[in-house]
Amino acid sequence: MPMERERYPDNWEEIALNVKREADWKCQRCGRQCRLQGITIAEWLELARDCPDYEEKKSHPHRWTMSVAHLNHDPENPNAELEAMCSACHLRYDAKMHAQTAKRNRRQRLENAGQMVLTLW
């Protein structure tokens, strides 16, 4: 799901970078060491060439991208609890909320479509 940038504070990049640095660029859920800011995927793969999990890193490089999750799913909250997560853990953490949002959006589209049909009669 794309980030709704207008819901985040103006200094979100700075806030998120601080959370990632405090976590030492390790996922606070699974412990995965993520790619540091400013290092391209190609550079990171070159550095990881001798790692035992190199093939996994090569086939799924975005799993090692660090993100910051709002634990209450409310980016407007200035006192939000934040956690540094790899992209896989962040997606897993948000899955239930994304499913609920999708269900609500589908229901709303169906209601809107039904209202349009009624107005045509």
N, C-alpha and C. Protein backbone atom coordinates (compact mmCIF):
# COMPACT_ATOMS: atom_id res chain seq x y z
N MET A 1 0.85 -1.17 0.00
CA MET A 1 0.00 0.00 0.00
C MET A 1 0.90 1.24 0.00
N PRO A 2 0.67 2.18 -0.89
CA PRO A 2 1.52 3.37 -0.95
C PRO A 2 1.35 4.25 0.29
N MET A 3 2.41 4.93 0.61
CA MET A 3 2.42 5.83 1.76
C MET A 3 1.60 7.08 1.43
N GLU A 4 0.69 7.45 2.32
CA GLU A 4 -0.10 8.67 2.16
C GLU A 4 0.69 9.80 2.82
N ARG A 5 1.61 10.38 2.07
CA ARG A 5 2.59 11.34 2.60
C ARG A 5 1.95 12.48 3.38
N GLU A 6 0.76 12.91 2.97
CA GLU A 6 0.12 14.04 3.64
C GLU A 6 -0.28 13.72 5.08
N ARG A 7 -0.30 12.45 5.45
CA ARG A 7 -0.67 12.06 6.82
C ARG A 7 0.52 12.10 7.78
N TYR A 8 1.72 12.26 7.26
CA TYR A 8 2.94 12.20 8.07
C TYR A 8 3.44 13.60 8.40
N PRO A 9 4.18 13.74 9.50
CA PRO A 9 4.73 15.06 9.83
C PRO A 9 5.74 15.50 8.77
N ASP A 10 5.94 16.80 8.69
CA ASP A 10 6.86 17.36 7.69
C ASP A 10 8.28 16.81 7.84
N ASN A 11 8.68 16.47 9.06
CA ASN A 11 10.04 15.99 9.29
C ASN A 11 10.09 14.47 9.41
N TRP A 12 9.19 13.76 8.73
CA TRP A 12 9.12 12.31 8.84
C TRP A 12 10.44 11.63 8.47
N GLU A 13 11.10 12.09 7.42
CA GLU A 13 12.36 11.46 7.01
C GLU A 13 13.39 11.49 8.13
N GLU A 14 13.47 12.62 8.82
CA GLU A 14 14.41 12.76 9.94
C GLU A 14 14.01 11.84 11.10
N ILE A 15 12.73 11.80 11.41
CA ILE A 15 12.23 10.93 12.48
C ILE A 15 12.54 9.47 12.16
N ALA A 16 12.20 9.05 10.94
CA ALA A 16 12.41 7.66 10.54
C ALA A 16 13.89 7.29 10.55
N LEU A 17 14.74 8.20 10.07
CA LEU A 17 16.18 7.94 10.06
C LEU A 17 16.71 7.75 11.48
N ASN A 18 16.23 8.54 12.42
CA ASN A 18 16.65 8.40 13.81
C ASN A 18 16.23 7.05 14.39
N VAL A 19 15.02 6.61 14.07
CA VAL A 19 14.54 5.30 14.56
C VAL A 19 15.41 4.18 13.99
N LYS A 20 15.74 4.28 12.71
CA LYS A 20 16.59 3.26 12.06
C LYS A 20 17.99 3.24 12.68
N ARG A 21 18.54 4.41 12.92
CA ARG A 21 19.88 4.49 13.52
C ARG A 21 19.88 3.92 14.94
N GLU A 22 18.85 4.26 15.71
CA GLU A 22 18.75 3.75 17.08
C GLU A 22 18.68 2.22 17.08
N ALA A 23 18.06 1.64 16.06
CA ALA A 23 17.97 0.19 15.95
C ALA A 23 19.22 -0.42 15.30
N ASP A 24 20.19 0.41 14.99
CA ASP A 24 21.43 -0.03 14.33
C ASP A 24 21.13 -0.74 13.01
N TRP A 25 20.07 -0.30 12.33
CA TRP A 25 19.67 -0.83 11.03
C TRP A 25 19.35 -2.33 11.09
N LYS A 26 18.87 -2.78 12.27
CA LYS A 26 18.43 -4.17 12.43
C LYS A 26 16.94 -4.17 12.72
N CYS A 27 16.23 -5.09 12.08
CA CYS A 27 14.79 -5.22 12.29
C CYS A 27 14.54 -5.55 13.76
N GLN A 28 13.66 -4.80 14.39
CA GLN A 28 13.35 -5.01 15.79
C GLN A 28 12.39 -6.19 16.00
N ARG A 29 11.96 -6.80 14.92
CA ARG A 29 11.11 -7.99 15.00
C ARG A 29 11.93 -9.26 14.80
N CYS A 30 12.63 -9.36 13.69
CA CYS A 30 13.33 -10.61 13.35
C CYS A 30 14.85 -10.52 13.51
N GLY A 31 15.36 -9.31 13.71
CA GLY A 31 16.79 -9.14 13.90
C GLY A 31 17.60 -9.04 12.61
N ARG A 32 16.93 -9.05 11.47
CA ARG A 32 17.62 -8.98 10.17
C ARG A 32 18.42 -7.68 10.06
N GLN A 33 19.67 -7.81 9.65
CA GLN A 33 20.50 -6.64 9.39
C GLN A 33 20.09 -6.08 8.04
N CYS A 34 19.64 -4.84 8.03
CA CYS A 34 19.15 -4.23 6.79
C CYS A 34 20.22 -3.36 6.14
N ARG A 35 19.95 -3.05 4.90
CA ARG A 35 20.83 -2.23 4.09
C ARG A 35 20.84 -0.81 4.63
N LEU A 36 22.04 -0.24 4.80
CA LEU A 36 22.18 1.12 5.31
C LEU A 36 21.72 2.14 4.27
N GLN A 37 21.27 3.28 4.76
CA GLN A 37 20.86 4.37 3.86
C GLN A 37 22.04 4.80 3.02
N GLY A 38 21.79 5.06 1.75
CA GLY A 38 22.82 5.55 0.85
C GLY A 38 23.58 4.45 0.11
N ILE A 39 23.35 3.19 0.49
CA ILE A 39 23.99 2.08 -0.20
C ILE A 39 22.99 1.49 -1.18
N THR A 40 23.35 1.46 -2.44
CA THR A 40 22.44 0.90 -3.44
C THR A 40 22.35 -0.61 -3.27
N ILE A 41 21.33 -1.21 -3.87
CA ILE A 41 21.18 -2.66 -3.80
C ILE A 41 22.39 -3.34 -4.43
N ALA A 42 22.86 -2.81 -5.56
CA ALA A 42 24.03 -3.40 -6.23
C ALA A 42 25.26 -3.35 -5.32
N GLU A 43 25.49 -2.22 -4.67
CA GLU A 43 26.64 -2.11 -3.75
C GLU A 43 26.48 -3.06 -2.58
N TRP A 44 25.29 -3.15 -2.05
CA TRP A 44 25.01 -4.01 -0.91
C TRP A 44 25.23 -5.48 -1.27
N LEU A 45 24.76 -5.87 -2.46
CA LEU A 45 24.97 -7.25 -2.89
C LEU A 45 26.45 -7.56 -3.09
N GLU A 46 27.19 -6.59 -3.57
CA GLU A 46 28.63 -6.79 -3.73
C GLU A 46 29.29 -7.00 -2.36
N LEU A 47 28.89 -6.23 -1.37
CA LEU A 47 29.43 -6.38 -0.02
C LEU A 47 29.03 -7.71 0.61
N ALA A 48 27.86 -8.22 0.21
CA ALA A 48 27.32 -9.45 0.81
C ALA A 48 27.70 -10.71 0.05
N ARG A 49 28.53 -10.59 -0.96
CA ARG A 49 28.85 -11.71 -1.85
C ARG A 49 29.31 -12.97 -1.09
N ASP A 50 30.02 -12.82 0.01
CA ASP A 50 30.54 -13.97 0.75
C ASP A 50 29.62 -14.42 1.90
N CYS A 51 28.48 -13.79 2.05
CA CYS A 51 27.55 -14.18 3.12
C CYS A 51 26.88 -15.51 2.79
N PRO A 52 26.60 -16.32 3.82
CA PRO A 52 25.97 -17.62 3.58
C PRO A 52 24.56 -17.50 2.95
N ASP A 53 23.87 -16.38 3.19
CA ASP A 53 22.53 -16.20 2.64
C ASP A 53 22.53 -15.31 1.39
N TYR A 54 23.67 -15.27 0.71
CA TYR A 54 23.80 -14.39 -0.45
C TYR A 54 22.74 -14.66 -1.52
N GLU A 55 22.45 -15.93 -1.80
CA GLU A 55 21.46 -16.25 -2.85
C GLU A 55 20.08 -15.71 -2.50
N GLU A 56 19.71 -15.80 -1.23
CA GLU A 56 18.42 -15.23 -0.81
C GLU A 56 18.43 -13.72 -0.95
N LYS A 57 19.53 -13.10 -0.55
CA LYS A 57 19.65 -11.65 -0.68
C LYS A 57 19.58 -11.24 -2.14
N LYS A 58 20.21 -12.00 -2.99
CA LYS A 58 20.23 -11.69 -4.42
C LYS A 58 18.84 -11.85 -5.04
N SER A 59 18.10 -12.89 -4.63
CA SER A 59 16.79 -13.13 -5.24
C SER A 59 15.69 -12.25 -4.64
N HIS A 60 15.88 -11.75 -3.41
CA HIS A 60 14.86 -10.91 -2.75
C HIS A 60 15.52 -9.74 -2.04
N PRO A 61 16.19 -8.85 -2.76
CA PRO A 61 16.96 -7.79 -2.10
C PRO A 61 16.12 -6.80 -1.30
N HIS A 62 14.85 -6.62 -1.66
CA HIS A 62 14.04 -5.62 -0.96
C HIS A 62 13.61 -6.08 0.43
N ARG A 63 13.78 -7.36 0.73
CA ARG A 63 13.48 -7.83 2.09
C ARG A 63 14.43 -7.21 3.10
N TRP A 64 15.55 -6.70 2.63
CA TRP A 64 16.55 -6.11 3.53
C TRP A 64 16.47 -4.59 3.53
N THR A 65 15.34 -4.05 3.14
CA THR A 65 15.13 -2.60 3.17
C THR A 65 14.48 -2.26 4.50
N MET A 66 15.04 -1.33 5.24
CA MET A 66 14.54 -0.93 6.54
C MET A 66 13.40 0.08 6.37
N SER A 67 12.37 -0.10 7.17
CA SER A 67 11.27 0.86 7.20
C SER A 67 10.92 1.12 8.65
N VAL A 68 10.03 2.06 8.88
CA VAL A 68 9.60 2.38 10.24
C VAL A 68 8.09 2.24 10.30
N ALA A 69 7.63 1.44 11.25
CA ALA A 69 6.20 1.16 11.39
C ALA A 69 5.61 1.97 12.54
N HIS A 70 4.41 2.48 12.31
CA HIS A 70 3.61 3.07 13.38
C HIS A 70 2.85 1.92 14.03
N LEU A 71 3.13 1.62 15.28
CA LEU A 71 2.52 0.46 15.92
C LEU A 71 1.02 0.63 16.10
N ASN A 72 0.53 1.87 16.11
CA ASN A 72 -0.91 2.10 16.22
C ASN A 72 -1.54 2.45 14.87
N HIS A 73 -0.76 2.36 13.81
CA HIS A 73 -1.23 2.64 12.44
C HIS A 73 -1.77 4.07 12.28
N ASP A 74 -1.24 5.00 13.05
CA ASP A 74 -1.75 6.38 13.01
C ASP A 74 -0.59 7.35 12.80
N PRO A 75 -0.22 7.63 11.54
CA PRO A 75 0.92 8.51 11.29
C PRO A 75 0.70 9.97 11.72
N GLU A 76 -0.55 10.37 11.95
CA GLU A 76 -0.80 11.74 12.41
C GLU A 76 -0.49 11.93 13.89
N ASN A 77 -0.39 10.84 14.64
CA ASN A 77 -0.17 10.90 16.08
C ASN A 77 1.26 11.36 16.37
N PRO A 78 1.43 12.54 17.00
CA PRO A 78 2.78 13.03 17.26
C PRO A 78 3.52 12.21 18.33
N ASN A 79 2.79 11.42 19.10
CA ASN A 79 3.40 10.59 20.15
C ASN A 79 3.36 9.12 19.76
N ALA A 80 3.41 8.84 18.48
CA ALA A 80 3.29 7.47 17.98
C ALA A 80 4.44 6.60 18.46
N GLU A 81 4.10 5.34 18.75
CA GLU A 81 5.14 4.35 19.01
C GLU A 81 5.65 3.87 17.65
N LEU A 82 6.95 3.94 17.47
CA LEU A 82 7.56 3.58 16.19
C LEU A 82 8.51 2.41 16.39
N GLU A 83 8.63 1.60 15.35
CA GLU A 83 9.55 0.47 15.42
C GLU A 83 10.20 0.27 14.06
N ALA A 84 11.51 0.06 14.08
CA ALA A 84 12.26 -0.21 12.85
C ALA A 84 12.02 -1.66 12.46
N MET A 85 11.62 -1.87 11.21
CA MET A 85 11.33 -3.22 10.72
C MET A 85 11.86 -3.39 9.31
N CYS A 86 12.28 -4.63 9.00
CA CYS A 86 12.59 -4.93 7.60
C CYS A 86 11.26 -4.90 6.84
N SER A 87 11.32 -4.80 5.54
CA SER A 87 10.08 -4.68 4.76
C SER A 87 9.18 -5.89 4.94
N ALA A 88 9.75 -7.09 5.08
CA ALA A 88 8.92 -8.29 5.24
C ALA A 88 8.15 -8.25 6.55
N CYS A 89 8.80 -7.89 7.64
CA CYS A 89 8.12 -7.81 8.93
C CYS A 89 7.09 -6.68 8.95
N HIS A 90 7.40 -5.55 8.30
CA HIS A 90 6.46 -4.43 8.25
C HIS A 90 5.20 -4.84 7.49
N LEU A 91 5.37 -5.51 6.37
CA LEU A 91 4.20 -5.97 5.61
C LEU A 91 3.36 -6.96 6.42
N ARG A 92 4.04 -7.86 7.12
CA ARG A 92 3.33 -8.83 7.96
C ARG A 92 2.59 -8.12 9.09
N TYR A 93 3.24 -7.12 9.70
CA TYR A 93 2.63 -6.37 10.80
C TYR A 93 1.38 -5.62 10.34
N ASP A 94 1.44 -5.04 9.16
CA ASP A 94 0.32 -4.24 8.64
C ASP A 94 -0.75 -5.05 7.91
N ALA A 95 -0.54 -6.34 7.70
CA ALA A 95 -1.43 -7.15 6.85
C ALA A 95 -2.88 -7.09 7.30
N LYS A 96 -3.15 -7.27 8.58
CA LYS A 96 -4.53 -7.27 9.07
C LYS A 96 -5.19 -5.92 8.84
N MET A 97 -4.46 -4.84 9.14
CA MET A 97 -5.01 -3.49 8.94
C MET A 97 -5.28 -3.22 7.47
N HIS A 98 -4.37 -3.66 6.58
CA HIS A 98 -4.57 -3.47 5.14
C HIS A 98 -5.79 -4.27 4.66
N ALA A 99 -5.99 -5.47 5.18
CA ALA A 99 -7.15 -6.28 4.79
C ALA A 99 -8.44 -5.60 5.23
N GLN A 100 -8.45 -5.04 6.44
CA GLN A 100 -9.65 -4.34 6.93
C GLN A 100 -9.93 -3.10 6.09
N THR A 101 -8.89 -2.36 5.73
CA THR A 101 -9.06 -1.17 4.90
C THR A 101 -9.59 -1.55 3.52
N ALA A 102 -9.05 -2.61 2.93
CA ALA A 102 -9.51 -3.06 1.61
C ALA A 102 -10.97 -3.49 1.67
N LYS A 103 -11.35 -4.19 2.71
CA LYS A 103 -12.74 -4.64 2.86
C LYS A 103 -13.67 -3.44 2.99
N ARG A 104 -13.28 -2.46 3.79
CA ARG A 104 -14.08 -1.25 3.97
C ARG A 104 -14.21 -0.49 2.65
N ASN A 105 -13.11 -0.39 1.89
CA ASN A 105 -13.14 0.31 0.61
C ASN A 105 -14.02 -0.42 -0.41
N ARG A 106 -13.95 -1.75 -0.44
CA ARG A 106 -14.82 -2.52 -1.35
C ARG A 106 -16.29 -2.31 -1.00
N ARG A 107 -16.59 -2.38 0.29
CA ARG A 107 -17.97 -2.19 0.73
C ARG A 107 -18.47 -0.79 0.33
N GLN A 108 -17.61 0.22 0.51
CA GLN A 108 -17.99 1.59 0.17
C GLN A 108 -18.23 1.72 -1.34
N ARG A 109 -17.37 1.09 -2.16
CA ARG A 109 -17.57 1.14 -3.62
C ARG A 109 -18.88 0.48 -4.02
N LEU A 110 -19.20 -0.65 -3.38
CA LEU A 110 -20.45 -1.34 -3.69
C LEU A 110 -21.65 -0.49 -3.28
N GLU A 111 -21.58 0.14 -2.12
CA GLU A 111 -22.67 1.02 -1.69
C GLU A 111 -22.84 2.19 -2.65
N ASN A 112 -21.72 2.78 -3.06
CA ASN A 112 -21.78 3.89 -4.01
C ASN A 112 -22.36 3.46 -5.35
N ALA A 113 -21.96 2.27 -5.80
CA ALA A 113 -22.49 1.75 -7.07
C ALA A 113 -23.99 1.49 -6.94
N GLY A 114 -24.41 0.95 -5.81
CA GLY A 114 -25.84 0.70 -5.59
C GLY A 114 -26.64 1.99 -5.57
N GLN A 115 -26.11 3.03 -4.97
CA GLN A 115 -26.79 4.32 -4.95
C GLN A 115 -26.90 4.91 -6.34
N MET A 116 -25.85 4.70 -7.17
CA MET A 116 -25.89 5.20 -8.54
C MET A 116 -26.98 4.49 -9.33
N VAL A 117 -27.13 3.18 -9.13
CA VAL A 117 -28.16 2.42 -9.83
C VAL A 117 -29.54 2.91 -9.43
N LEU A 118 -29.74 3.16 -8.14
CA LEU A 118 -31.03 3.64 -7.66
C LEU A 118 -31.38 5.01 -8.23
N THR A 119 -30.38 5.89 -8.38
CA THR A 119 -30.67 7.21 -8.92
C THR A 119 -30.99 7.15 -10.41
N LEU A 120 -30.52 6.10 -11.08
CA LEU A 120 -30.84 5.96 -12.51
C LEU A 120 -32.29 5.57 -12.73
N TRP A 121 -32.90 4.94 -11.76
CA TRP A 121 -34.30 4.52 -11.90
C TRP A 121 -35.15 5.68 -11.63
